[in-house]
């Protein structure tokens, strides 16, 4: 179904306070075998114009995949560390995420989620992040 998607990213870098960005956009919300998927185009606001993001929400995990000017796939599973390749037009880096908490409540009409995670690069904390998403029928 067509959906109105609100994505808020909060990043707390070591040297500075919280940095927040919010994107409100149209997208597609669908049922997948083990959960739900959200797909939308990034904008200039996020600095990722030309990139499509797909978020798959399953009972025990959430995957965020971006394709276009930025290519990556992050997998979030509460209490676990996972690594991913952050591949941009300027170069690539391997990053690690440690998922602290996932709260997600989705059904056929949409839903909300919040992921609390830490990003590490070469075993050093780069930032503490929160990803919030709300999906509503359009």
N, C-alpha and C. Protein backbone atom coordinates (compact mmCIF):
# COMPACT_ATOMS: atom_id res chain seq x y z
N UNK A 1 0.83 -1.18 0.00
CA UNK A 1 0.00 0.00 0.00
C UNK A 1 0.87 1.24 0.00
N UNK A 2 0.32 2.33 -0.48
CA UNK A 2 1.02 3.61 -0.42
C UNK A 2 1.00 4.08 1.02
N UNK A 3 2.16 4.62 1.46
CA UNK A 3 2.28 4.99 2.87
C UNK A 3 2.98 6.33 3.04
N UNK A 4 2.67 6.98 4.15
CA UNK A 4 3.38 8.18 4.58
C UNK A 4 4.39 7.70 5.62
N UNK A 5 5.65 7.96 5.35
CA UNK A 5 6.74 7.45 6.19
C UNK A 5 7.47 8.61 6.84
N UNK A 6 7.64 8.54 8.15
CA UNK A 6 8.42 9.52 8.89
C UNK A 6 9.61 8.80 9.47
N UNK A 7 10.81 9.27 9.13
CA UNK A 7 12.04 8.66 9.63
C UNK A 7 12.82 9.75 10.37
N UNK A 8 13.18 9.46 11.60
CA UNK A 8 13.98 10.37 12.40
C UNK A 8 15.25 9.66 12.81
N UNK A 9 16.37 10.26 12.50
CA UNK A 9 17.66 9.72 12.90
C UNK A 9 18.30 10.66 13.89
N UNK A 10 18.71 10.12 15.03
CA UNK A 10 19.40 10.92 16.04
C UNK A 10 20.78 10.31 16.22
N UNK A 11 21.80 11.14 16.05
CA UNK A 11 23.18 10.68 16.16
C UNK A 11 23.87 11.48 17.25
N UNK A 12 24.53 10.78 18.17
CA UNK A 12 25.29 11.43 19.22
C UNK A 12 26.76 11.09 19.00
N UNK A 13 27.49 12.05 18.45
CA UNK A 13 28.92 11.84 18.19
C UNK A 13 29.70 12.17 19.46
N UNK A 14 30.86 11.60 19.59
CA UNK A 14 31.67 11.78 20.80
C UNK A 14 32.00 13.25 21.08
N UNK A 15 32.30 14.02 20.05
CA UNK A 15 32.75 15.40 20.24
C UNK A 15 31.63 16.40 20.41
N UNK A 16 30.42 16.05 19.98
CA UNK A 16 29.33 17.02 20.00
C UNK A 16 28.07 16.39 20.58
N UNK A 17 27.03 17.18 20.71
CA UNK A 17 25.76 16.68 21.24
C UNK A 17 24.98 15.94 20.17
N UNK A 18 23.69 15.82 20.42
CA UNK A 18 22.81 15.12 19.49
C UNK A 18 22.63 15.91 18.19
N UNK A 19 22.65 15.20 17.09
CA UNK A 19 22.39 15.74 15.77
C UNK A 19 21.20 14.96 15.24
N UNK A 20 20.12 15.67 14.89
CA UNK A 20 18.88 14.99 14.49
C UNK A 20 18.48 15.41 13.09
N UNK A 21 17.93 14.46 12.33
CA UNK A 21 17.39 14.75 11.01
C UNK A 21 16.08 13.99 10.85
N UNK A 22 15.09 14.65 10.24
CA UNK A 22 13.79 14.01 10.04
C UNK A 22 13.41 14.08 8.57
N UNK A 23 12.94 12.96 8.05
CA UNK A 23 12.47 12.87 6.67
C UNK A 23 11.02 12.40 6.69
N UNK A 24 10.16 13.14 6.02
CA UNK A 24 8.76 12.73 5.85
C UNK A 24 8.57 12.56 4.35
N UNK A 25 8.19 11.35 3.95
CA UNK A 25 8.13 11.05 2.52
C UNK A 25 7.06 10.02 2.23
N UNK A 26 6.73 9.88 0.96
CA UNK A 26 5.83 8.83 0.51
C UNK A 26 6.65 7.59 0.19
N UNK A 27 6.04 6.43 0.37
CA UNK A 27 6.72 5.19 0.06
C UNK A 27 5.73 4.06 -0.08
N UNK A 28 6.25 2.86 -0.09
CA UNK A 28 5.43 1.65 -0.25
C UNK A 28 5.62 0.77 0.99
N UNK A 29 4.51 0.25 1.49
CA UNK A 29 4.51 -0.62 2.67
C UNK A 29 3.88 -1.94 2.26
N UNK A 30 4.61 -3.04 2.46
CA UNK A 30 4.11 -4.34 2.02
C UNK A 30 4.34 -5.41 3.09
N UNK A 31 3.55 -6.46 3.01
CA UNK A 31 3.71 -7.64 3.86
C UNK A 31 4.75 -8.52 3.20
N UNK A 32 5.71 -9.02 3.98
CA UNK A 32 6.69 -10.00 3.50
C UNK A 32 6.49 -11.27 4.32
N UNK A 33 7.10 -12.39 3.93
CA UNK A 33 6.81 -13.65 4.63
C UNK A 33 6.90 -13.60 6.16
N UNK A 34 7.93 -12.95 6.71
CA UNK A 34 8.10 -12.94 8.16
C UNK A 34 7.84 -11.59 8.82
N UNK A 35 7.26 -10.65 8.09
CA UNK A 35 7.02 -9.33 8.69
C UNK A 35 6.51 -8.33 7.67
N UNK A 36 7.13 -7.14 7.68
CA UNK A 36 6.71 -6.05 6.80
C UNK A 36 7.93 -5.36 6.20
N UNK A 37 7.75 -4.74 5.03
CA UNK A 37 8.82 -4.01 4.37
C UNK A 37 8.34 -2.61 4.02
N UNK A 38 9.25 -1.66 4.15
CA UNK A 38 9.00 -0.26 3.82
C UNK A 38 10.05 0.15 2.79
N UNK A 39 9.63 0.80 1.72
CA UNK A 39 10.55 1.22 0.68
C UNK A 39 10.27 2.67 0.32
N UNK A 40 11.35 3.47 0.27
CA UNK A 40 11.19 4.89 -0.05
C UNK A 40 12.47 5.45 -0.66
N UNK A 41 12.33 6.58 -1.34
CA UNK A 41 13.47 7.26 -1.94
C UNK A 41 14.01 8.29 -0.95
N UNK A 42 15.32 8.30 -0.80
CA UNK A 42 15.97 9.30 0.05
C UNK A 42 15.90 10.65 -0.67
N UNK A 43 16.17 11.73 0.06
CA UNK A 43 16.11 13.06 -0.53
C UNK A 43 17.41 13.82 -0.30
N UNK A 44 17.49 15.03 -0.85
CA UNK A 44 18.65 15.88 -0.63
C UNK A 44 18.81 16.21 0.85
N UNK A 45 17.70 16.25 1.58
CA UNK A 45 17.73 16.55 3.01
C UNK A 45 18.62 15.57 3.77
N UNK A 46 18.58 14.30 3.39
CA UNK A 46 19.39 13.29 4.07
C UNK A 46 20.79 13.19 3.48
N UNK A 47 21.02 13.90 2.39
CA UNK A 47 22.31 13.83 1.72
C UNK A 47 22.45 12.57 0.87
N UNK A 48 21.35 11.86 0.66
CA UNK A 48 21.39 10.59 -0.06
C UNK A 48 20.48 10.59 -1.29
N UNK A 49 20.31 11.74 -1.90
CA UNK A 49 19.49 11.83 -3.10
C UNK A 49 20.02 10.82 -4.13
N UNK A 50 19.11 10.09 -4.77
CA UNK A 50 19.51 9.07 -5.73
C UNK A 50 19.65 7.70 -5.10
N UNK A 51 19.26 7.58 -3.82
CA UNK A 51 19.36 6.31 -3.10
C UNK A 51 17.96 5.85 -2.69
N UNK A 52 17.70 4.56 -2.83
CA UNK A 52 16.45 3.96 -2.38
C UNK A 52 16.73 3.14 -1.13
N UNK A 53 15.89 3.32 -0.10
CA UNK A 53 16.04 2.60 1.16
C UNK A 53 14.90 1.60 1.31
N UNK A 54 15.25 0.38 1.70
CA UNK A 54 14.27 -0.64 2.02
C UNK A 54 14.52 -1.10 3.45
N UNK A 55 13.47 -1.10 4.26
CA UNK A 55 13.56 -1.53 5.65
C UNK A 55 12.67 -2.76 5.81
N UNK A 56 13.26 -3.86 6.26
CA UNK A 56 12.50 -5.09 6.50
C UNK A 56 12.40 -5.31 8.01
N UNK A 57 11.17 -5.34 8.51
CA UNK A 57 10.92 -5.50 9.94
C UNK A 57 10.39 -6.91 10.18
N UNK A 58 11.17 -7.72 10.91
CA UNK A 58 10.78 -9.08 11.24
C UNK A 58 10.72 -9.20 12.76
N UNK A 59 10.14 -10.27 13.30
CA UNK A 59 9.96 -10.38 14.76
C UNK A 59 11.25 -10.23 15.57
N UNK A 60 12.36 -10.75 15.08
CA UNK A 60 13.60 -10.73 15.86
C UNK A 60 14.68 -9.81 15.31
N UNK A 61 14.41 -9.15 14.17
CA UNK A 61 15.45 -8.33 13.56
C UNK A 61 14.86 -7.28 12.62
N UNK A 62 15.71 -6.30 12.29
CA UNK A 62 15.36 -5.27 11.31
C UNK A 62 16.56 -5.13 10.38
N UNK A 63 16.32 -5.09 9.07
CA UNK A 63 17.39 -4.89 8.09
C UNK A 63 17.12 -3.59 7.35
N UNK A 64 18.15 -2.78 7.16
CA UNK A 64 18.06 -1.53 6.41
C UNK A 64 19.04 -1.64 5.24
N UNK A 65 18.49 -1.58 4.03
CA UNK A 65 19.32 -1.69 2.84
C UNK A 65 19.17 -0.44 2.00
N UNK A 66 20.32 0.10 1.58
CA UNK A 66 20.31 1.29 0.72
C UNK A 66 21.05 0.96 -0.57
N UNK A 67 20.45 1.41 -1.69
CA UNK A 67 21.05 1.20 -3.01
C UNK A 67 20.98 2.49 -3.79
N UNK A 68 22.09 2.81 -4.46
CA UNK A 68 22.14 4.03 -5.27
C UNK A 68 23.47 4.72 -5.07
N UNK A 69 23.45 6.00 -4.66
CA UNK A 69 24.69 6.73 -4.43
C UNK A 69 25.43 6.17 -3.21
N UNK A 70 24.70 5.47 -2.35
CA UNK A 70 25.27 4.79 -1.19
C UNK A 70 24.74 3.36 -1.20
N UNK A 71 25.62 2.40 -1.01
CA UNK A 71 25.20 0.99 -0.99
C UNK A 71 25.62 0.36 0.33
N UNK A 72 24.65 -0.21 1.04
CA UNK A 72 24.94 -0.87 2.31
C UNK A 72 23.73 -1.67 2.76
N UNK A 73 23.99 -2.60 3.67
CA UNK A 73 22.91 -3.36 4.29
C UNK A 73 23.28 -3.55 5.76
N UNK A 74 22.50 -2.94 6.63
CA UNK A 74 22.71 -3.06 8.07
C UNK A 74 21.67 -4.02 8.62
N UNK A 75 22.10 -4.90 9.51
CA UNK A 75 21.18 -5.83 10.16
C UNK A 75 21.21 -5.58 11.66
N UNK A 76 20.04 -5.31 12.21
CA UNK A 76 19.91 -5.03 13.63
C UNK A 76 19.23 -6.21 14.32
N UNK A 77 19.86 -6.70 15.37
CA UNK A 77 19.29 -7.76 16.18
C UNK A 77 19.67 -7.44 17.62
N UNK A 78 18.67 -7.25 18.45
CA UNK A 78 18.90 -6.80 19.82
C UNK A 78 19.93 -7.66 20.55
N UNK A 79 20.93 -6.98 21.15
CA UNK A 79 21.97 -7.68 21.90
C UNK A 79 23.08 -8.26 21.05
N UNK A 80 23.07 -8.02 19.74
CA UNK A 80 24.07 -8.58 18.84
C UNK A 80 24.91 -7.48 18.17
N UNK A 81 26.12 -7.87 17.76
CA UNK A 81 26.98 -7.01 16.95
C UNK A 81 27.02 -7.57 15.54
N UNK A 82 26.90 -6.70 14.56
CA UNK A 82 27.02 -7.12 13.16
C UNK A 82 27.88 -6.09 12.43
N UNK A 83 28.52 -6.52 11.37
CA UNK A 83 29.32 -5.58 10.58
C UNK A 83 28.71 -5.46 9.20
N UNK A 84 29.04 -4.34 8.54
CA UNK A 84 28.53 -4.12 7.20
C UNK A 84 29.51 -3.25 6.43
N UNK A 85 29.45 -3.32 5.12
CA UNK A 85 30.29 -2.52 4.25
C UNK A 85 29.54 -1.24 3.90
N UNK A 86 30.12 -0.11 4.24
CA UNK A 86 29.56 1.21 3.94
C UNK A 86 30.24 1.66 2.67
N UNK A 87 29.55 1.56 1.53
CA UNK A 87 30.13 1.75 0.21
C UNK A 87 29.57 3.01 -0.44
N UNK A 88 30.40 4.05 -0.57
CA UNK A 88 29.97 5.30 -1.19
C UNK A 88 30.79 5.56 -2.45
N UNK A 89 30.43 6.62 -3.15
CA UNK A 89 31.17 6.99 -4.35
C UNK A 89 32.58 7.49 -4.01
N UNK A 90 32.82 7.81 -2.72
CA UNK A 90 34.12 8.31 -2.30
C UNK A 90 35.02 7.23 -1.71
N UNK A 91 34.48 6.04 -1.48
CA UNK A 91 35.25 4.96 -0.91
C UNK A 91 34.39 4.07 -0.02
N UNK A 92 35.02 3.05 0.56
CA UNK A 92 34.30 2.07 1.37
C UNK A 92 34.95 1.93 2.74
N UNK A 93 34.15 1.53 3.72
CA UNK A 93 34.66 1.25 5.06
C UNK A 93 33.79 0.16 5.67
N UNK A 94 34.40 -0.67 6.49
CA UNK A 94 33.64 -1.68 7.22
C UNK A 94 33.32 -1.12 8.59
N UNK A 95 32.05 -1.08 8.92
CA UNK A 95 31.59 -0.58 10.21
C UNK A 95 30.90 -1.70 10.97
N UNK A 96 30.81 -1.55 12.26
CA UNK A 96 30.16 -2.53 13.12
C UNK A 96 29.04 -1.83 13.88
N UNK A 97 27.90 -2.48 14.01
CA UNK A 97 26.82 -1.92 14.82
C UNK A 97 26.50 -2.89 15.95
N UNK A 98 26.28 -2.31 17.10
CA UNK A 98 25.87 -3.07 18.27
C UNK A 98 24.46 -2.59 18.62
N UNK A 99 23.49 -3.47 18.42
CA UNK A 99 22.09 -3.10 18.66
C UNK A 99 21.78 -3.26 20.14
N UNK A 100 21.42 -2.13 20.75
CA UNK A 100 21.11 -2.15 22.17
C UNK A 100 19.64 -2.51 22.42
N UNK A 101 18.74 -1.92 21.64
CA UNK A 101 17.31 -2.18 21.85
C UNK A 101 16.54 -1.94 20.56
N UNK A 102 15.55 -2.81 20.30
CA UNK A 102 14.61 -2.63 19.19
C UNK A 102 13.21 -2.70 19.77
N UNK A 103 12.42 -1.67 19.48
CA UNK A 103 11.00 -1.69 19.82
C UNK A 103 10.26 -1.48 18.50
N UNK A 104 9.48 -2.48 18.08
CA UNK A 104 8.76 -2.38 16.80
C UNK A 104 7.36 -2.95 16.96
N UNK A 105 6.40 -2.22 16.44
CA UNK A 105 5.00 -2.67 16.48
C UNK A 105 4.37 -2.36 15.13
N UNK A 106 4.26 -3.39 14.27
CA UNK A 106 3.71 -3.22 12.93
C UNK A 106 2.59 -4.21 12.70
N UNK A 107 1.61 -3.79 11.89
CA UNK A 107 0.54 -4.66 11.45
C UNK A 107 0.15 -4.24 10.03
N UNK A 108 -0.95 -4.74 9.52
CA UNK A 108 -1.33 -4.46 8.13
C UNK A 108 -1.62 -2.98 7.87
N UNK A 109 -1.80 -2.18 8.91
CA UNK A 109 -2.11 -0.76 8.74
C UNK A 109 -0.91 0.16 8.96
N UNK A 110 0.27 -0.42 9.21
CA UNK A 110 1.46 0.39 9.45
C UNK A 110 2.02 0.11 10.83
N UNK A 111 2.74 1.09 11.36
CA UNK A 111 3.30 0.90 12.69
C UNK A 111 4.43 1.86 12.99
N UNK A 112 5.13 1.55 14.08
CA UNK A 112 6.23 2.39 14.55
C UNK A 112 7.36 1.52 15.06
N UNK A 113 8.57 2.08 15.01
CA UNK A 113 9.71 1.37 15.59
C UNK A 113 10.76 2.37 16.04
N UNK A 114 11.61 1.90 16.94
CA UNK A 114 12.76 2.66 17.40
C UNK A 114 13.90 1.68 17.61
N UNK A 115 15.06 1.98 17.04
CA UNK A 115 16.24 1.15 17.20
C UNK A 115 17.32 2.01 17.87
N UNK A 116 17.86 1.52 18.96
CA UNK A 116 18.93 2.18 19.70
C UNK A 116 20.21 1.36 19.45
N UNK A 117 21.23 1.99 18.84
CA UNK A 117 22.43 1.24 18.48
C UNK A 117 23.69 2.10 18.54
N UNK A 118 24.83 1.42 18.60
CA UNK A 118 26.13 2.07 18.63
C UNK A 118 26.88 1.67 17.37
N UNK A 119 27.54 2.65 16.74
CA UNK A 119 28.37 2.38 15.56
C UNK A 119 29.83 2.38 15.98
N UNK A 120 30.55 1.32 15.59
CA UNK A 120 31.98 1.20 15.86
C UNK A 120 32.74 1.14 14.55
N UNK A 121 33.95 1.71 14.57
CA UNK A 121 34.86 1.59 13.43
C UNK A 121 36.22 1.22 14.00
N UNK A 122 36.72 0.08 13.60
CA UNK A 122 37.99 -0.43 14.11
C UNK A 122 38.00 -0.46 15.64
N UNK A 123 36.94 -0.98 16.22
CA UNK A 123 36.77 -1.19 17.66
C UNK A 123 36.65 0.10 18.47
N UNK A 124 36.47 1.24 17.81
CA UNK A 124 36.27 2.50 18.52
C UNK A 124 34.85 2.99 18.25
N UNK A 125 34.18 3.48 19.28
CA UNK A 125 32.82 3.98 19.12
C UNK A 125 32.85 5.25 18.29
N UNK A 126 32.08 5.25 17.20
CA UNK A 126 31.97 6.41 16.33
C UNK A 126 30.78 7.27 16.75
N UNK A 127 29.69 6.62 17.15
CA UNK A 127 28.50 7.36 17.56
C UNK A 127 27.45 6.45 18.15
N UNK A 128 26.60 7.07 18.96
CA UNK A 128 25.44 6.38 19.52
C UNK A 128 24.24 6.93 18.76
N UNK A 129 23.42 6.03 18.21
CA UNK A 129 22.35 6.43 17.30
C UNK A 129 21.00 5.88 17.70
N UNK A 130 19.96 6.59 17.26
CA UNK A 130 18.60 6.09 17.35
C UNK A 130 17.95 6.30 15.99
N UNK A 131 17.27 5.27 15.53
CA UNK A 131 16.52 5.34 14.29
C UNK A 131 15.07 5.11 14.63
N UNK A 132 14.23 6.11 14.32
CA UNK A 132 12.80 5.99 14.59
C UNK A 132 12.07 6.04 13.25
N UNK A 133 11.02 5.23 13.15
CA UNK A 133 10.24 5.21 11.91
C UNK A 133 8.77 5.04 12.25
N UNK A 134 7.94 5.78 11.53
CA UNK A 134 6.50 5.69 11.64
C UNK A 134 5.94 5.50 10.23
N UNK A 135 5.03 4.54 10.07
CA UNK A 135 4.44 4.25 8.77
C UNK A 135 2.92 4.31 8.90
N UNK A 136 2.28 5.12 8.07
CA UNK A 136 0.83 5.29 8.09
C UNK A 136 0.28 5.15 6.66
N UNK A 137 -0.94 4.64 6.52
CA UNK A 137 -1.54 4.54 5.17
C UNK A 137 -1.68 5.92 4.54
N UNK A 138 -1.52 6.00 3.24
CA UNK A 138 -1.66 7.25 2.50
C UNK A 138 -3.06 7.31 1.96
